[in-house]
Amino acid sequence: MAAILKDDEVFFKERGFGKQLGFGNKPGLIVVDLIIGFTDPTMPMGSDLTEQIENTNILLDRVHQMGFPVYFTAISYDDDTFADSGIWYKKMEGLKTLKSGTEAVKVDPRLNKRPGDGLIIKKYASAFFGTDLIARLNTNHVDTVVIVGCTTSGCIRSTVVDALQYGYRPIVVEDAVGDRSLASHEQSLFDMRQKYAEILKTTEVVDTISSIYSK
């Protein structure tokens, strides 16, 4: 797959894809769905995201230190019939494990979540769909969203596309996002790099925000 993606990268570059968006005036960090139901490999929706959590903590520590806003998201369903998931649960039966009040919908305790960090409960893939995330970002004058979490091909990608469509600059942290499928992960990163987002590593994001926004 790597060779195919490399060939595609040349093809897209020749046609003007993959331009740089860069950082804007103020970043915010969105930690997408790093809840136990997704980070515990024994759960139906889970996979091993240890490396992603470690890199997310590096970002959290720096963003907290610099005073930028942080927003965690979690998928959680209240309705006993899962009506609040629409028909999505018919496609992915594992969503039935994400019942409100259970361990599965709690933010992974390994994360350096602090009091004051936002928690957004969502019902679908995008962190924007049906939530107040836009209002929170606008209130804090955020124009650049650094996105980490899972899964790359699902909730990360849909959040990125919505972020771009709403006028925010999406920065996806390559080594802080994960997926159940490596093929899906790599293809989704490639697509986002060409059309929707900046794709950077944890060290690059930390160095960039430290340089641009140092007080």
N, C-alpha and C. Protein backbone atom coordinates (compact mmCIF):
# COMPACT_ATOMS: atom_id res chain seq x y z
N MET A 1 0.82 -1.21 0.00
CA MET A 1 0.00 0.00 0.00
C MET A 1 0.86 1.26 0.00
N ALA A 2 2.00 1.21 0.70
CA ALA A 2 2.86 2.39 0.78
C ALA A 2 3.30 2.86 -0.60
N ALA A 3 3.64 1.90 -1.48
CA ALA A 3 4.07 2.26 -2.84
C ALA A 3 2.92 2.89 -3.62
N ILE A 4 1.71 2.35 -3.44
CA ILE A 4 0.54 2.89 -4.14
C ILE A 4 0.27 4.31 -3.68
N LEU A 5 0.32 4.54 -2.36
CA LEU A 5 0.08 5.87 -1.83
C LEU A 5 1.14 6.86 -2.31
N LYS A 6 2.38 6.40 -2.44
CA LYS A 6 3.44 7.27 -2.92
C LYS A 6 3.17 7.70 -4.35
N ASP A 7 2.74 6.76 -5.19
CA ASP A 7 2.39 7.09 -6.57
C ASP A 7 1.23 8.06 -6.61
N ASP A 8 0.24 7.83 -5.77
CA ASP A 8 -0.92 8.73 -5.71
C ASP A 8 -0.52 10.12 -5.25
N GLU A 9 0.44 10.18 -4.31
CA GLU A 9 0.87 11.48 -3.80
C GLU A 9 1.47 12.33 -4.91
N VAL A 10 2.27 11.72 -5.76
CA VAL A 10 2.84 12.44 -6.90
C VAL A 10 1.73 12.90 -7.84
N PHE A 11 0.79 12.03 -8.11
CA PHE A 11 -0.33 12.33 -8.99
C PHE A 11 -1.13 13.53 -8.47
N PHE A 12 -1.45 13.51 -7.17
CA PHE A 12 -2.25 14.59 -6.59
C PHE A 12 -1.46 15.90 -6.54
N LYS A 13 -0.18 15.81 -6.22
CA LYS A 13 0.64 17.01 -6.13
C LYS A 13 0.72 17.74 -7.47
N GLU A 14 0.81 16.98 -8.54
CA GLU A 14 0.86 17.58 -9.87
C GLU A 14 -0.41 18.36 -10.20
N ARG A 15 -1.50 18.00 -9.52
CA ARG A 15 -2.79 18.64 -9.78
C ARG A 15 -3.19 19.65 -8.72
N GLY A 16 -2.25 20.02 -7.86
CA GLY A 16 -2.48 21.11 -6.92
C GLY A 16 -3.14 20.72 -5.61
N PHE A 17 -3.16 19.44 -5.29
CA PHE A 17 -3.70 19.00 -4.01
C PHE A 17 -2.62 19.11 -2.93
N GLY A 18 -3.05 18.97 -1.68
CA GLY A 18 -2.11 18.88 -0.57
C GLY A 18 -1.41 20.18 -0.21
N LYS A 19 -2.03 21.32 -0.49
CA LYS A 19 -1.43 22.60 -0.11
C LYS A 19 -1.45 22.78 1.40
N GLN A 20 -0.59 23.66 1.90
CA GLN A 20 -0.48 23.89 3.33
C GLN A 20 -1.54 24.88 3.82
N LEU A 21 -2.19 24.54 4.93
CA LEU A 21 -3.14 25.45 5.57
C LEU A 21 -2.46 26.28 6.65
N GLY A 22 -1.55 25.68 7.38
CA GLY A 22 -0.86 26.37 8.45
C GLY A 22 -1.74 26.60 9.67
N PHE A 23 -1.15 27.23 10.67
CA PHE A 23 -1.86 27.57 11.90
C PHE A 23 -2.41 28.98 11.80
N GLY A 24 -3.51 29.23 12.49
CA GLY A 24 -4.11 30.56 12.50
C GLY A 24 -3.72 31.33 13.75
N ASN A 25 -4.68 32.08 14.29
CA ASN A 25 -4.41 32.97 15.41
C ASN A 25 -4.44 32.27 16.77
N LYS A 26 -5.29 31.24 16.89
CA LYS A 26 -5.40 30.56 18.18
C LYS A 26 -5.83 29.12 17.99
N PRO A 27 -5.07 28.18 18.57
CA PRO A 27 -5.45 26.77 18.46
C PRO A 27 -6.27 26.27 19.64
N GLY A 28 -7.01 25.22 19.40
CA GLY A 28 -7.66 24.45 20.46
C GLY A 28 -7.42 22.98 20.17
N LEU A 29 -7.39 22.17 21.21
CA LEU A 29 -7.13 20.74 21.06
C LEU A 29 -8.43 19.96 21.23
N ILE A 30 -8.76 19.13 20.24
CA ILE A 30 -9.94 18.28 20.31
C ILE A 30 -9.47 16.83 20.45
N VAL A 31 -9.82 16.22 21.58
CA VAL A 31 -9.46 14.82 21.85
C VAL A 31 -10.69 13.98 21.57
N VAL A 32 -10.68 13.29 20.44
CA VAL A 32 -11.88 12.63 19.94
C VAL A 32 -11.98 11.19 20.45
N ASP A 33 -12.96 10.95 21.30
CA ASP A 33 -13.42 9.59 21.64
C ASP A 33 -12.36 8.66 22.21
N LEU A 34 -11.41 9.18 22.95
CA LEU A 34 -10.47 8.29 23.65
C LEU A 34 -11.12 7.84 24.96
N ILE A 35 -12.20 7.09 24.78
CA ILE A 35 -12.97 6.54 25.89
C ILE A 35 -12.67 5.06 26.00
N ILE A 36 -12.97 4.48 27.15
CA ILE A 36 -12.60 3.09 27.41
C ILE A 36 -13.19 2.13 26.37
N GLY A 37 -14.39 2.43 25.90
CA GLY A 37 -15.00 1.58 24.89
C GLY A 37 -14.21 1.48 23.61
N PHE A 38 -13.34 2.48 23.36
CA PHE A 38 -12.50 2.47 22.16
C PHE A 38 -11.04 2.16 22.45
N THR A 39 -10.60 2.36 23.70
CA THR A 39 -9.17 2.17 24.01
C THR A 39 -8.88 0.84 24.69
N ASP A 40 -9.92 0.11 25.07
CA ASP A 40 -9.75 -1.22 25.66
C ASP A 40 -9.90 -2.26 24.55
N PRO A 41 -8.82 -2.95 24.19
CA PRO A 41 -8.88 -3.89 23.07
C PRO A 41 -9.85 -5.05 23.26
N THR A 42 -10.27 -5.29 24.50
CA THR A 42 -11.21 -6.39 24.74
C THR A 42 -12.65 -5.99 24.46
N MET A 43 -12.90 -4.69 24.28
CA MET A 43 -14.25 -4.21 24.00
C MET A 43 -14.57 -4.38 22.52
N PRO A 44 -15.83 -4.57 22.16
CA PRO A 44 -16.19 -4.78 20.74
C PRO A 44 -15.74 -3.66 19.82
N MET A 45 -15.70 -2.41 20.34
CA MET A 45 -15.30 -1.27 19.52
C MET A 45 -13.84 -0.87 19.76
N GLY A 46 -13.12 -1.64 20.59
CA GLY A 46 -11.82 -1.21 21.06
C GLY A 46 -10.63 -1.67 20.25
N SER A 47 -9.50 -1.00 20.49
CA SER A 47 -8.20 -1.38 19.93
C SER A 47 -7.12 -0.82 20.85
N ASP A 48 -5.89 -1.26 20.67
CA ASP A 48 -4.79 -0.81 21.51
C ASP A 48 -4.31 0.56 21.02
N LEU A 49 -4.58 1.58 21.81
CA LEU A 49 -4.20 2.95 21.44
C LEU A 49 -3.21 3.53 22.45
N THR A 50 -2.37 2.67 23.00
CA THR A 50 -1.41 3.10 24.01
C THR A 50 -0.49 4.20 23.50
N GLU A 51 0.06 4.01 22.31
CA GLU A 51 0.97 5.03 21.74
C GLU A 51 0.24 6.34 21.51
N GLN A 52 -0.97 6.26 21.01
CA GLN A 52 -1.75 7.48 20.75
C GLN A 52 -2.05 8.23 22.04
N ILE A 53 -2.34 7.49 23.10
CA ILE A 53 -2.61 8.13 24.39
C ILE A 53 -1.35 8.81 24.92
N GLU A 54 -0.22 8.15 24.80
CA GLU A 54 1.04 8.75 25.26
C GLU A 54 1.33 10.05 24.51
N ASN A 55 1.14 10.05 23.20
CA ASN A 55 1.40 11.26 22.43
C ASN A 55 0.35 12.33 22.70
N THR A 56 -0.88 11.91 22.93
CA THR A 56 -1.92 12.89 23.30
C THR A 56 -1.56 13.57 24.62
N ASN A 57 -1.02 12.82 25.55
CA ASN A 57 -0.62 13.42 26.84
C ASN A 57 0.49 14.45 26.67
N ILE A 58 1.40 14.19 25.76
CA ILE A 58 2.45 15.19 25.47
C ILE A 58 1.80 16.49 24.98
N LEU A 59 0.84 16.36 24.09
CA LEU A 59 0.14 17.54 23.58
C LEU A 59 -0.69 18.21 24.67
N LEU A 60 -1.39 17.40 25.45
CA LEU A 60 -2.22 17.96 26.52
C LEU A 60 -1.36 18.78 27.49
N ASP A 61 -0.22 18.25 27.86
CA ASP A 61 0.63 18.96 28.81
C ASP A 61 1.07 20.30 28.26
N ARG A 62 1.44 20.33 26.99
CA ARG A 62 1.92 21.59 26.40
C ARG A 62 0.76 22.57 26.20
N VAL A 63 -0.35 22.08 25.72
CA VAL A 63 -1.51 22.96 25.50
C VAL A 63 -2.03 23.52 26.82
N HIS A 64 -2.09 22.68 27.85
CA HIS A 64 -2.49 23.16 29.17
C HIS A 64 -1.52 24.24 29.66
N GLN A 65 -0.24 23.98 29.48
CA GLN A 65 0.78 24.92 29.93
C GLN A 65 0.63 26.28 29.26
N MET A 66 0.24 26.25 27.99
CA MET A 66 0.11 27.49 27.23
C MET A 66 -1.26 28.14 27.37
N GLY A 67 -2.17 27.46 28.04
CA GLY A 67 -3.47 28.05 28.32
C GLY A 67 -4.49 27.99 27.19
N PHE A 68 -4.28 27.08 26.25
CA PHE A 68 -5.24 26.95 25.15
C PHE A 68 -6.36 25.98 25.53
N PRO A 69 -7.54 26.15 24.95
CA PRO A 69 -8.68 25.30 25.33
C PRO A 69 -8.54 23.86 24.84
N VAL A 70 -9.11 22.95 25.62
CA VAL A 70 -9.10 21.53 25.31
C VAL A 70 -10.54 21.02 25.37
N TYR A 71 -10.91 20.21 24.38
CA TYR A 71 -12.25 19.66 24.33
C TYR A 71 -12.15 18.14 24.12
N PHE A 72 -12.64 17.38 25.09
CA PHE A 72 -12.76 15.94 24.94
C PHE A 72 -14.14 15.62 24.38
N THR A 73 -14.22 14.57 23.56
CA THR A 73 -15.53 14.10 23.12
C THR A 73 -15.72 12.65 23.54
N ALA A 74 -16.98 12.28 23.73
CA ALA A 74 -17.33 10.91 24.06
C ALA A 74 -18.66 10.59 23.40
N ILE A 75 -18.77 9.39 22.84
CA ILE A 75 -20.05 8.91 22.34
C ILE A 75 -20.77 8.21 23.49
N SER A 76 -22.02 8.62 23.71
CA SER A 76 -22.77 8.05 24.83
C SER A 76 -24.26 8.10 24.50
N TYR A 77 -24.96 7.00 24.77
CA TYR A 77 -26.38 6.89 24.43
C TYR A 77 -27.23 6.71 25.68
N ASP A 78 -28.27 7.54 25.79
CA ASP A 78 -29.16 7.53 26.95
C ASP A 78 -30.38 6.64 26.76
N ASP A 79 -30.85 6.60 25.53
CA ASP A 79 -32.12 5.92 25.25
C ASP A 79 -31.96 4.40 25.28
N ASP A 80 -32.84 3.73 26.00
CA ASP A 80 -32.75 2.27 26.10
C ASP A 80 -32.92 1.57 24.76
N THR A 81 -33.60 2.24 23.83
CA THR A 81 -33.81 1.66 22.50
C THR A 81 -32.75 2.14 21.51
N PHE A 82 -31.83 2.96 21.98
CA PHE A 82 -30.76 3.55 21.15
C PHE A 82 -31.34 4.41 20.02
N ALA A 83 -32.50 5.00 20.31
CA ALA A 83 -33.09 5.91 19.33
C ALA A 83 -32.21 7.14 19.12
N ASP A 84 -31.39 7.50 20.14
CA ASP A 84 -30.52 8.66 20.00
C ASP A 84 -29.30 8.38 19.13
N SER A 85 -29.19 7.15 18.63
CA SER A 85 -28.14 6.84 17.65
C SER A 85 -28.72 6.75 16.24
N GLY A 86 -30.03 7.06 16.12
CA GLY A 86 -30.65 6.95 14.82
C GLY A 86 -30.60 5.50 14.34
N ILE A 87 -30.16 5.33 13.10
CA ILE A 87 -30.01 3.97 12.57
C ILE A 87 -28.55 3.52 12.55
N TRP A 88 -27.66 4.35 13.12
CA TRP A 88 -26.23 4.04 13.07
C TRP A 88 -25.93 2.70 13.74
N TYR A 89 -26.61 2.44 14.88
CA TYR A 89 -26.33 1.19 15.60
C TYR A 89 -26.70 -0.04 14.78
N LYS A 90 -27.57 0.14 13.78
CA LYS A 90 -27.91 -0.99 12.90
C LYS A 90 -26.73 -1.35 12.01
N LYS A 91 -25.88 -0.38 11.73
CA LYS A 91 -24.68 -0.60 10.93
C LYS A 91 -23.53 -1.13 11.78
N MET A 92 -23.41 -0.61 13.01
CA MET A 92 -22.32 -1.00 13.91
C MET A 92 -22.94 -1.41 15.24
N GLU A 93 -23.15 -2.68 15.44
CA GLU A 93 -23.83 -3.16 16.63
C GLU A 93 -23.06 -2.86 17.91
N GLY A 94 -21.73 -2.70 17.77
CA GLY A 94 -20.91 -2.41 18.93
C GLY A 94 -21.27 -1.11 19.62
N LEU A 95 -21.96 -0.21 18.92
CA LEU A 95 -22.38 1.04 19.54
C LEU A 95 -23.28 0.80 20.76
N LYS A 96 -23.90 -0.36 20.81
CA LYS A 96 -24.77 -0.68 21.96
C LYS A 96 -23.98 -0.81 23.25
N THR A 97 -22.67 -0.92 23.16
CA THR A 97 -21.85 -0.99 24.37
C THR A 97 -21.61 0.40 24.96
N LEU A 98 -21.95 1.45 24.22
CA LEU A 98 -21.65 2.82 24.65
C LEU A 98 -22.86 3.43 25.35
N LYS A 99 -23.29 2.78 26.40
CA LYS A 99 -24.45 3.19 27.16
C LYS A 99 -24.05 4.20 28.23
N SER A 100 -24.81 5.29 28.34
CA SER A 100 -24.52 6.29 29.36
C SER A 100 -24.45 5.67 30.75
N GLY A 101 -23.49 6.13 31.53
CA GLY A 101 -23.34 5.64 32.89
C GLY A 101 -22.45 4.43 33.03
N THR A 102 -21.99 3.85 31.93
CA THR A 102 -21.11 2.68 31.98
C THR A 102 -19.65 3.10 31.88
N GLU A 103 -18.76 2.17 32.21
CA GLU A 103 -17.32 2.44 32.12
C GLU A 103 -16.91 2.74 30.68
N ALA A 104 -17.59 2.15 29.72
CA ALA A 104 -17.19 2.26 28.33
C ALA A 104 -17.19 3.69 27.81
N VAL A 105 -18.03 4.55 28.36
CA VAL A 105 -18.14 5.91 27.84
C VAL A 105 -17.29 6.91 28.63
N LYS A 106 -16.51 6.41 29.60
CA LYS A 106 -15.64 7.31 30.37
C LYS A 106 -14.34 7.57 29.62
N VAL A 107 -13.85 8.80 29.74
CA VAL A 107 -12.55 9.14 29.16
C VAL A 107 -11.49 8.24 29.79
N ASP A 108 -10.60 7.71 28.96
CA ASP A 108 -9.55 6.81 29.45
C ASP A 108 -8.77 7.50 30.57
N PRO A 109 -8.68 6.86 31.74
CA PRO A 109 -8.03 7.51 32.90
C PRO A 109 -6.54 7.75 32.72
N ARG A 110 -5.93 7.16 31.70
CA ARG A 110 -4.51 7.41 31.44
C ARG A 110 -4.26 8.80 30.87
N LEU A 111 -5.32 9.46 30.42
CA LEU A 111 -5.18 10.78 29.82
C LEU A 111 -5.08 11.87 30.88
N ASN A 112 -4.28 12.87 30.59
CA ASN A 112 -4.07 13.98 31.53
C ASN A 112 -5.18 15.03 31.38
N LYS A 113 -6.40 14.58 31.61
CA LYS A 113 -7.55 15.50 31.55
C LYS A 113 -7.60 16.31 32.83
N ARG A 114 -7.81 17.62 32.68
CA ARG A 114 -7.82 18.51 33.84
C ARG A 114 -9.21 19.12 34.04
N PRO A 115 -9.52 19.54 35.27
CA PRO A 115 -10.74 20.33 35.48
C PRO A 115 -10.70 21.57 34.59
N GLY A 116 -11.79 21.87 33.97
CA GLY A 116 -11.83 23.00 33.04
C GLY A 116 -11.77 22.59 31.59
N ASP A 117 -11.27 21.38 31.32
CA ASP A 117 -11.33 20.87 29.95
C ASP A 117 -12.78 20.56 29.60
N GLY A 118 -13.17 20.89 28.39
CA GLY A 118 -14.54 20.64 27.98
C GLY A 118 -14.80 19.16 27.72
N LEU A 119 -16.03 18.73 27.96
CA LEU A 119 -16.46 17.38 27.61
C LEU A 119 -17.72 17.50 26.77
N ILE A 120 -17.64 17.01 25.56
CA ILE A 120 -18.75 17.10 24.61
C ILE A 120 -19.28 15.70 24.36
N ILE A 121 -20.55 15.49 24.67
CA ILE A 121 -21.19 14.21 24.41
C ILE A 121 -21.80 14.25 23.01
N LYS A 122 -21.42 13.29 22.20
CA LYS A 122 -21.94 13.26 20.84
C LYS A 122 -22.60 11.92 20.56
N LYS A 123 -23.40 11.90 19.51
CA LYS A 123 -24.17 10.71 19.16
C LYS A 123 -23.71 10.10 17.84
N TYR A 124 -22.97 10.86 17.07
CA TYR A 124 -22.56 10.41 15.74
C TYR A 124 -21.06 10.62 15.57
N ALA A 125 -20.57 10.46 14.37
CA ALA A 125 -19.12 10.44 14.15
C ALA A 125 -18.46 11.80 14.39
N SER A 126 -18.97 12.84 13.77
CA SER A 126 -18.32 14.14 13.85
C SER A 126 -18.50 14.78 15.22
N ALA A 127 -17.44 15.42 15.71
CA ALA A 127 -17.52 16.16 16.97
C ALA A 127 -18.39 17.41 16.83
N PHE A 128 -18.70 17.79 15.60
CA PHE A 128 -19.51 18.98 15.35
C PHE A 128 -20.99 18.67 15.24
N PHE A 129 -21.33 17.48 14.76
CA PHE A 129 -22.73 17.18 14.43
C PHE A 129 -23.58 17.06 15.69
N GLY A 130 -24.57 17.94 15.81
CA GLY A 130 -25.50 17.89 16.92
C GLY A 130 -24.91 18.28 18.26
N THR A 131 -23.78 18.99 18.27
CA THR A 131 -23.15 19.42 19.52
C THR A 131 -22.98 20.94 19.54
N ASP A 132 -22.49 21.45 20.65
CA ASP A 132 -22.25 22.90 20.78
C ASP A 132 -20.78 23.25 20.56
N LEU A 133 -20.05 22.40 19.86
CA LEU A 133 -18.61 22.64 19.69
C LEU A 133 -18.33 23.96 18.98
N ILE A 134 -19.10 24.30 17.97
CA ILE A 134 -18.86 25.56 17.24
C ILE A 134 -18.97 26.74 18.20
N ALA A 135 -20.01 26.75 19.02
CA ALA A 135 -20.19 27.85 19.97
C ALA A 135 -19.01 27.95 20.93
N ARG A 136 -18.52 26.80 21.38
CA ARG A 136 -17.38 26.81 22.30
C ARG A 136 -16.13 27.34 21.63
N LEU A 137 -15.88 26.89 20.40
CA LEU A 137 -14.70 27.37 19.67
C LEU A 137 -14.78 28.86 19.40
N ASN A 138 -15.94 29.32 18.97
CA ASN A 138 -16.10 30.74 18.65
C ASN A 138 -15.98 31.61 19.90
N THR A 139 -16.55 31.15 21.01
CA THR A 139 -16.46 31.92 22.25
C THR A 139 -15.00 32.09 22.68
N ASN A 140 -14.19 31.08 22.42
CA ASN A 140 -12.77 31.13 22.79
C ASN A 140 -11.89 31.65 21.66
N HIS A 141 -12.52 32.11 20.57
CA HIS A 141 -11.79 32.69 19.43
C HIS A 141 -10.78 31.72 18.82
N VAL A 142 -11.14 30.44 18.81
CA VAL A 142 -10.28 29.41 18.22
C VAL A 142 -10.53 29.35 16.71
N ASP A 143 -9.45 29.37 15.94
CA ASP A 143 -9.59 29.23 14.48
C ASP A 143 -8.79 28.04 13.93
N THR A 144 -8.05 27.36 14.81
CA THR A 144 -7.23 26.22 14.43
C THR A 144 -7.52 25.07 15.39
N VAL A 145 -7.91 23.92 14.84
CA VAL A 145 -8.24 22.79 15.71
C VAL A 145 -7.22 21.68 15.51
N VAL A 146 -6.51 21.36 16.58
CA VAL A 146 -5.57 20.24 16.59
C VAL A 146 -6.37 19.02 17.03
N ILE A 147 -6.36 17.98 16.19
CA ILE A 147 -7.27 16.85 16.38
C ILE A 147 -6.48 15.57 16.63
N VAL A 148 -6.84 14.89 17.72
CA VAL A 148 -6.24 13.61 18.08
C VAL A 148 -7.36 12.65 18.46
N GLY A 149 -7.03 11.35 18.58
CA GLY A 149 -8.02 10.40 19.06
C GLY A 149 -8.31 9.28 18.08
N CYS A 150 -9.57 8.87 18.03
CA CYS A 150 -9.92 7.72 17.21
C CYS A 150 -11.38 7.84 16.73
N THR A 151 -11.72 7.10 15.67
CA THR A 151 -10.80 6.39 14.81
C THR A 151 -10.48 7.24 13.59
N THR A 152 -9.29 7.00 13.02
CA THR A 152 -8.83 7.84 11.92
C THR A 152 -9.80 7.86 10.76
N SER A 153 -10.33 6.69 10.42
CA SER A 153 -11.20 6.59 9.25
C SER A 153 -12.64 6.98 9.53
N GLY A 154 -13.00 7.12 10.82
CA GLY A 154 -14.38 7.41 11.18
C GLY A 154 -14.55 8.77 11.81
N CYS A 155 -14.48 8.82 13.14
CA CYS A 155 -14.77 10.06 13.85
C CYS A 155 -13.72 11.14 13.61
N ILE A 156 -12.47 10.76 13.42
CA ILE A 156 -11.44 11.75 13.12
C ILE A 156 -11.70 12.38 11.76
N ARG A 157 -11.87 11.55 10.76
CA ARG A 157 -12.07 12.08 9.41
C ARG A 157 -13.32 12.94 9.33
N SER A 158 -14.42 12.49 9.91
CA SER A 158 -15.66 13.26 9.81
C SER A 158 -15.54 14.59 10.56
N THR A 159 -14.83 14.59 11.68
CA THR A 159 -14.60 15.83 12.42
C THR A 159 -13.74 16.79 11.62
N VAL A 160 -12.73 16.25 10.95
CA VAL A 160 -11.85 17.08 10.11
C VAL A 160 -12.62 17.73 8.96
N VAL A 161 -13.42 16.94 8.28
CA VAL A 161 -14.17 17.48 7.14
C VAL A 161 -15.12 18.58 7.61
N ASP A 162 -15.82 18.34 8.72
CA ASP A 162 -16.71 19.38 9.24
C ASP A 162 -15.94 20.61 9.68
N ALA A 163 -14.80 20.42 10.32
CA ALA A 163 -13.99 21.56 10.76
C ALA A 163 -13.64 22.45 9.58
N LEU A 164 -13.17 21.84 8.51
CA LEU A 164 -12.83 22.60 7.31
C LEU A 164 -14.04 23.32 6.74
N GLN A 165 -15.16 22.62 6.70
CA GLN A 165 -16.37 23.21 6.11
C GLN A 165 -16.91 24.37 6.95
N TYR A 166 -16.63 24.35 8.24
CA TYR A 166 -17.05 25.45 9.11
C TYR A 166 -16.02 26.56 9.20
N GLY A 167 -14.90 26.41 8.49
CA GLY A 167 -13.93 27.49 8.41
C GLY A 167 -12.77 27.42 9.38
N TYR A 168 -12.62 26.29 10.07
CA TYR A 168 -11.48 26.11 10.97
C TYR A 168 -10.33 25.43 10.24
N ARG A 169 -9.12 25.64 10.73
CA ARG A 169 -7.93 25.00 10.15
C ARG A 169 -7.67 23.69 10.90
N PRO A 170 -7.89 22.54 10.25
CA PRO A 170 -7.69 21.26 10.95
C PRO A 170 -6.22 20.81 10.88
N ILE A 171 -5.68 20.47 12.04
CA ILE A 171 -4.35 19.89 12.15
C ILE A 171 -4.50 18.50 12.76
N VAL A 172 -4.25 17.46 11.99
CA VAL A 172 -4.36 16.09 12.49
C VAL A 172 -2.98 15.63 12.94
N VAL A 173 -2.90 15.10 14.15
CA VAL A 173 -1.62 14.65 14.69
C VAL A 173 -1.46 13.17 14.36
N GLU A 174 -0.60 12.91 13.41
CA GLU A 174 -0.48 11.59 12.78
C GLU A 174 -0.24 10.46 13.77
N ASP A 175 0.64 10.68 14.74
CA ASP A 175 0.98 9.63 15.69
C ASP A 175 0.14 9.70 16.97
N ALA A 176 -0.92 10.51 16.95
CA ALA A 176 -1.85 10.58 18.08
C ALA A 176 -3.28 10.27 17.63
N VAL A 177 -3.42 9.71 16.44
CA VAL A 177 -4.71 9.19 15.99
C VAL A 177 -4.53 7.72 15.64
N GLY A 178 -5.59 6.94 15.84
CA GLY A 178 -5.48 5.51 15.58
C GLY A 178 -6.76 4.92 15.05
N ASP A 179 -6.64 3.68 14.58
CA ASP A 179 -7.76 3.00 13.94
C ASP A 179 -7.64 1.51 14.20
N ARG A 180 -8.74 0.80 14.07
CA ARG A 180 -8.71 -0.66 14.19
C ARG A 180 -8.00 -1.30 13.01
N SER A 181 -7.98 -0.60 11.88
CA SER A 181 -7.39 -1.11 10.65
C SER A 181 -6.25 -0.21 10.21
N LEU A 182 -5.06 -0.76 10.07
CA LEU A 182 -3.91 0.02 9.61
C LEU A 182 -4.13 0.53 8.20
N ALA A 183 -4.74 -0.28 7.35
CA ALA A 183 -5.00 0.15 5.97
C ALA A 183 -5.94 1.35 5.95
N SER A 184 -7.00 1.28 6.74
CA SER A 184 -7.94 2.41 6.81
C SER A 184 -7.26 3.65 7.38
N HIS A 185 -6.42 3.45 8.39
CA HIS A 185 -5.68 4.56 9.00
C HIS A 185 -4.81 5.27 7.98
N GLU A 186 -4.02 4.50 7.25
CA GLU A 186 -3.09 5.09 6.28
C GLU A 186 -3.83 5.77 5.13
N GLN A 187 -4.87 5.13 4.61
CA GLN A 187 -5.61 5.72 3.51
C GLN A 187 -6.32 6.99 3.94
N SER A 188 -6.86 7.00 5.15
CA SER A 188 -7.57 8.18 5.64
C SER A 188 -6.62 9.35 5.86
N LEU A 189 -5.43 9.06 6.41
CA LEU A 189 -4.43 10.11 6.56
C LEU A 189 -4.04 10.69 5.21
N PHE A 190 -3.86 9.81 4.23
CA PHE A 190 -3.51 10.27 2.89
C PHE A 190 -4.61 11.19 2.34
N ASP A 191 -5.86 10.76 2.43
CA ASP A 191 -6.96 11.56 1.90
C ASP A 191 -7.05 12.91 2.59
N MET A 192 -6.94 12.90 3.91
CA MET A 192 -7.04 14.17 4.65
C MET A 192 -5.89 15.10 4.30
N ARG A 193 -4.69 14.53 4.12
CA ARG A 193 -3.53 15.36 3.76
C ARG A 193 -3.73 16.04 2.41
N GLN A 194 -4.35 15.34 1.49
CA GLN A 194 -4.54 15.89 0.15
C GLN A 194 -5.66 16.93 0.09
N LYS A 195 -6.71 16.75 0.90
CA LYS A 195 -7.92 17.54 0.68
C LYS A 195 -8.44 18.35 1.86
N TYR A 196 -8.08 17.98 3.09
CA TYR A 196 -8.81 18.58 4.21
C TYR A 196 -7.97 19.13 5.35
N ALA A 197 -6.75 18.66 5.55
CA ALA A 197 -6.05 18.98 6.80
C ALA A 197 -4.55 19.00 6.63
N GLU A 198 -3.89 19.62 7.62
CA GLU A 198 -2.46 19.44 7.80
C GLU A 198 -2.26 18.14 8.59
N ILE A 199 -1.26 17.36 8.21
CA ILE A 199 -0.94 16.13 8.94
C ILE A 199 0.47 16.29 9.50
N LEU A 200 0.57 16.38 10.83
CA LEU A 200 1.85 16.60 11.49
C LEU A 200 2.03 15.59 12.62
N LYS A 201 3.27 15.39 13.02
CA LYS A 201 3.57 14.53 14.16
C LYS A 201 3.52 15.33 15.46
N THR A 202 3.47 14.61 16.57
CA THR A 202 3.35 15.26 17.88
C THR A 202 4.46 16.28 18.09
N THR A 203 5.70 15.89 17.83
CA THR A 203 6.82 16.81 18.07
C THR A 203 6.71 18.06 17.20
N GLU A 204 6.22 17.90 15.98
CA GLU A 204 6.07 19.04 15.08
C GLU A 204 5.01 20.01 15.60
N VAL A 205 3.91 19.48 16.12
CA VAL A 205 2.86 20.34 16.65
C VAL A 205 3.34 21.07 17.90
N VAL A 206 3.99 20.34 18.80
CA VAL A 206 4.50 20.97 20.02
C VAL A 206 5.50 22.07 19.68
N ASP A 207 6.43 21.78 18.78
CA ASP A 207 7.43 22.79 18.41
C ASP A 207 6.79 23.99 17.73
N THR A 208 5.79 23.73 16.89
CA THR A 208 5.15 24.83 16.15
C THR A 208 4.37 25.75 17.08
N ILE A 209 3.53 25.17 17.95
CA ILE A 209 2.73 26.04 18.82
C ILE A 209 3.63 26.75 19.85
N SER A 210 4.72 26.09 20.24
CA SER A 210 5.64 26.72 21.17
C SER A 210 6.33 27.91 20.52
N SER A 211 6.60 27.79 19.23
CA SER A 211 7.29 28.85 18.50
C SER A 211 6.34 29.99 18.14
N ILE A 212 5.17 29.64 17.64
CA ILE A 212 4.24 30.66 17.13
C ILE A 212 3.55 31.42 18.26
N TYR A 213 3.15 30.68 19.30
CA TYR A 213 2.28 31.29 20.32
C TYR A 213 2.96 31.49 21.66
N SER A 214 4.28 31.41 21.70
CA SER A 214 4.96 31.58 22.99
C SER A 214 4.69 32.96 23.55
N LYS A 215 4.47 33.01 24.86
CA LYS A 215 4.11 34.26 25.51
C LYS A 215 5.33 34.93 26.12
